Amino acid sequence: TNFAGPARNPRTGETEGGWWRVDLGPNKSLRCDYYAARRNGELEGQPRCWVLEGSADGEGWWTLRRHCGDDALATPGVWGAWPVPPPGNGRSCRYLRVRLTENTGIDGEVSGWRLRLSNLEFYGVLST
């Protein structure tokens, strides 16, 4: 599992949101049907807009599910869970990533680009 962010995109100069990435390892892939996330205990920075993305190689990413204005993680420490609808749930991924797409801070502060999670779980069909 890797996480990062916020980061400045070297091509655009724009600040991009933090992310969490899971690598299932060589010769493994998951057709993700459902996923769950737990918000960390910090009071600020409720994630409301993010994407779940999949990749076969960790370079090219496709969107499995998009969230905008989602209040499921409004309370610190709470779990949220969501289905992955078609066509996203039909593709197998070695890598899965949750990436923040909107600043959660006041007046666009850089710390608002941190993705404040403590746990991620993925469910589906695992191929080895």
Foldseek 3Di string as FASTA:
>chain_A
DDKDDQDQDPVPRDTFAIKDKDAQDPQKWFLFFKKKFWFAQDQFQQQFWKFKWFAAPVPDIDTQDTGHRHCQHNHHGGMDMDTRDPPSSVDIGRMIMITGGDFRDDPRDRVSRYRGTDDMDTDGDMGD
